[in-house]
């Protein structure tokens, strides 16, 4: 079920801590609201400092970095470098942040799956849909998160992120870094394809 299509963005912003049981598995669903996409690295670090002290906040921060990358690959790569666990970073003096960056293979995946299809990143923002070509709505950015019982243990976590172009939320794994912030360790599911945006059929003749 795609709950993004069942509730208005305003209703979703008010659904802050819905706890329920599904097939005997306890789940928590919540909305993380972020004022706007950060315009520079300093603003992103402030955002990270505010939200990424929890696994769900770390997942939301990664989604924000993806959306910045979809618009500005250079700036977005700096933010992704900050949001990704250091285990997956390599030395790079030409890109990334402070001499580090994702591997060339990961950068290529970001280019092919996010830069070439920005609507994939947009789909993780409430209010987008295939029908509106995944246009990000005005106002705060709301990201839907699901946490399943047992998926957060010690310094590792699996968080699910809702997409308006998929029938079920998608997992991202995060680790607690030595600086106290949760960072992405495995994120390939968030780069996977979704329902294609519907073409604008309006007759402009």
Foldseek 3Di string as FASTA:
>chain_A
DQCLVVDAPVVQQVQAWDWDADPNWIKTKGKDWAWDQDPAPVVLVVQQVVQQLDQVSLVVSCLSLLLVCLVPVQRSQQSLLVQADPVQWDADPPGHPPRITGDPVVSVLSCVQCNVQVLLSLQQWRPAALAVQSDHDPGITMWMKMAIPPQDDDFKGWIFTRGRFDPGTWIWIWGQDPVSGTHTHGDVRSSDDGHGRDDDPDDPD
